[in-house]
Amino acid sequence: MKLRWPRAETPTHIITMGFHETLDEAARRAAKEMIHYLMTARGLSRDDAYMLCSAAVDLQVTQVVDGVKDVHAMLPKSVFGSR
């Protein structure tokens, strides 16, 4: 698997990350990576991935101390049901 950007997985969430000097751009990058994950790993169309992100993804600011801000997009695995 080739990743364009860091990604993480916990027992409960899929997490994509965005880093940038502004919070707006960091959030946009994290969301964009989640859409990419949903399309490539879960087979959703771009529109369906975007709608799922709008409904189920939480954005968390994880770092603002230095010049680069970090935002994590967190998608609960429970939205996919049990496997």
C-alpha atoms as a PDB file:
ATOM      1  CA  MET A   1       0.000   0.000   0.000  1.00  0.00           C
ATOM      2  CA  LYS A   2       1.300   3.440  -0.889  1.00  0.00           C
ATOM      3  CA  LEU A   3       0.158   6.245   1.397  1.00  0.00           C
ATOM      4  CA  ARG A   4       0.210   9.866   0.326  1.00  0.00           C
ATOM      5  CA  TRP A   5       0.135  11.096   3.934  1.00  0.00           C
ATOM      6  CA  PRO A   6       0.351   9.578   7.451  1.00  0.00           C
ATOM      7  CA  ARG A   7      -2.623   7.568   8.611  1.00  0.00           C
ATOM      8  CA  ALA A   8      -3.353   5.782  11.876  1.00  0.00           C
ATOM      9  CA  GLU A   9      -5.747   3.144  13.113  1.00  0.00           C
ATOM     10  CA  THR A  10      -6.874   2.435  16.652  1.00  0.00           C
ATOM     11  CA  PRO A  11      -9.245  -0.293  17.820  1.00  0.00           C
ATOM     12  CA  THR A  12     -12.114   2.202  17.431  1.00  0.00           C
ATOM     13  CA  HIS A  13     -11.110   4.751  14.751  1.00  0.00           C
ATOM     14  CA  ILE A  14      -9.467   5.361  11.395  1.00  0.00           C
ATOM     15  CA  ILE A  15      -7.410   8.575  11.607  1.00  0.00           C
ATOM     16  CA  THR A  16      -6.055  10.726   8.814  1.00  0.00           C
ATOM     17  CA  MET A  17      -3.843  13.742   9.412  1.00  0.00           C
ATOM     18  CA  GLY A  18      -3.286  17.192   8.046  1.00  0.00           C
ATOM     19  CA  PHE A  19      -0.386  19.535   8.755  1.00  0.00           C
ATOM     20  CA  HIS A  20      -0.060  23.174   7.706  1.00  0.00           C
ATOM     21  CA  GLU A  21       0.698  26.658   8.979  1.00  0.00           C
ATOM     22  CA  THR A  22      -3.045  27.441   9.138  1.00  0.00           C
ATOM     23  CA  LEU A  23      -5.723  25.411  10.894  1.00  0.00           C
ATOM     24  CA  ASP A  24      -8.092  25.764   7.945  1.00  0.00           C
ATOM     25  CA  GLU A  25      -5.630  24.167   5.530  1.00  0.00           C
ATOM     26  CA  ALA A  26      -4.604  21.478   8.029  1.00  0.00           C
ATOM     27  CA  ALA A  27      -8.281  20.548   8.475  1.00  0.00           C
ATOM     28  CA  ARG A  28      -8.850  20.531   4.708  1.00  0.00           C
ATOM     29  CA  ARG A  29      -5.889  18.207   4.214  1.00  0.00           C
ATOM     30  CA  ALA A  30      -7.032  15.807   6.953  1.00  0.00           C
ATOM     31  CA  ALA A  31     -10.544  15.669   5.467  1.00  0.00           C
ATOM     32  CA  LYS A  32      -9.189  15.218   1.938  1.00  0.00           C
ATOM     33  CA  GLU A  33      -7.078  12.280   3.109  1.00  0.00           C
ATOM     34  CA  MET A  34     -10.106  10.695   4.796  1.00  0.00           C
ATOM     35  CA  ILE A  35     -12.065  10.977   1.541  1.00  0.00           C
ATOM     36  CA  HIS A  36      -9.125   9.355  -0.266  1.00  0.00           C
ATOM     37  CA  TYR A  37      -9.039   6.539   2.321  1.00  0.00           C
ATOM     38  CA  LEU A  38     -12.783   5.893   1.950  1.00  0.00           C
ATOM     39  CA  MET A  39     -12.502   5.770  -1.830  1.00  0.00           C
ATOM     40  CA  THR A  40      -9.420   3.539  -2.035  1.00  0.00           C
ATOM     41  CA  ALA A  41      -9.760   1.277   1.011  1.00  0.00           C
ATOM     42  CA  ARG A  42     -13.549   1.100   1.330  1.00  0.00           C
ATOM     43  CA  GLY A  43     -14.632   1.484  -2.295  1.00  0.00           C
ATOM     44  CA  LEU A  44     -16.925   4.479  -1.795  1.00  0.00           C
ATOM     45  CA  SER A  45     -17.573   6.961  -4.579  1.00  0.00           C
ATOM     46  CA  ARG A  46     -16.180  10.449  -4.028  1.00  0.00           C
ATOM     47  CA  ASP A  47     -19.671  11.809  -3.333  1.00  0.00           C
ATOM     48  CA  ASP A  48     -20.486   9.034  -0.842  1.00  0.00           C
ATOM     49  CA  ALA A  49     -17.114   9.461   0.895  1.00  0.00           C
ATOM     50  CA  TYR A  50     -17.684  13.213   1.170  1.00  0.00           C
ATOM     51  CA  MET A  51     -21.192  12.707   2.617  1.00  0.00           C
ATOM     52  CA  LEU A  52     -19.932  10.134   5.140  1.00  0.00           C
ATOM     53  CA  CYS A  53     -17.199  12.524   6.252  1.00  0.00           C
ATOM     54  CA  SER A  54     -19.762  15.291   6.700  1.00  0.00           C
ATOM     55  CA  ALA A  55     -21.906  13.062   8.903  1.00  0.00           C
ATOM     56  CA  ALA A  56     -19.436  10.932  10.834  1.00  0.00           C
ATOM     57  CA  VAL A  57     -15.912  12.393  10.926  1.00  0.00           C
ATOM     58  CA  ASP A  58     -14.731  14.503  13.857  1.00  0.00           C
ATOM     59  CA  LEU A  59     -11.818  16.889  13.373  1.00  0.00           C
ATOM     60  CA  GLN A  60      -9.481  17.303  16.334  1.00  0.00           C
ATOM     61  CA  VAL A  61      -6.787  19.934  16.614  1.00  0.00           C
ATOM     62  CA  THR A  62      -3.789  18.032  17.934  1.00  0.00           C
ATOM     63  CA  GLN A  63      -0.981  20.580  17.880  1.00  0.00           C
ATOM     64  CA  VAL A  64      -0.700  24.369  17.603  1.00  0.00           C
ATOM     65  CA  VAL A  65       2.480  25.082  19.582  1.00  0.00           C
ATOM     66  CA  ASP A  66       4.949  25.756  16.804  1.00  0.00           C
ATOM     67  CA  GLY A  67       4.501  27.142  13.296  1.00  0.00           C
ATOM     68  CA  VAL A  68       2.777  24.016  11.977  1.00  0.00           C
ATOM     69  CA  LYS A  69      -0.739  23.103  13.084  1.00  0.00           C
ATOM     70  CA  ASP A  70      -1.905  19.482  13.173  1.00  0.00           C
ATOM     71  CA  VAL A  71      -5.478  18.261  12.673  1.00  0.00           C
ATOM     72  CA  HIS A  72      -6.674  14.654  12.876  1.00  0.00           C
ATOM     73  CA  ALA A  73      -9.822  13.476  11.093  1.00  0.00           C
ATOM     74  CA  MET A  74     -11.316  10.651  13.153  1.00  0.00           C
ATOM     75  CA  LEU A  75     -13.827   8.213  11.689  1.00  0.00           C
ATOM     76  CA  PRO A  76     -15.396   5.679  14.082  1.00  0.00           C
ATOM     77  CA  LYS A  77     -15.080   2.149  12.738  1.00  0.00           C
ATOM     78  CA  SER A  78     -18.567   1.484  14.081  1.00  0.00           C
ATOM     79  CA  VAL A  79     -20.068   3.258  11.042  1.00  0.00           C
ATOM     80  CA  PHE A  80     -19.131   0.176   9.022  1.00  0.00           C
ATOM     81  CA  GLY A  81     -20.903  -2.240  11.352  1.00  0.00           C
ATOM     82  CA  SER A  82     -19.332  -5.387  12.735  1.00  0.00           C
ATOM     83  CA  ARG A  83     -16.939  -7.411  10.634  1.00  0.00           C
END
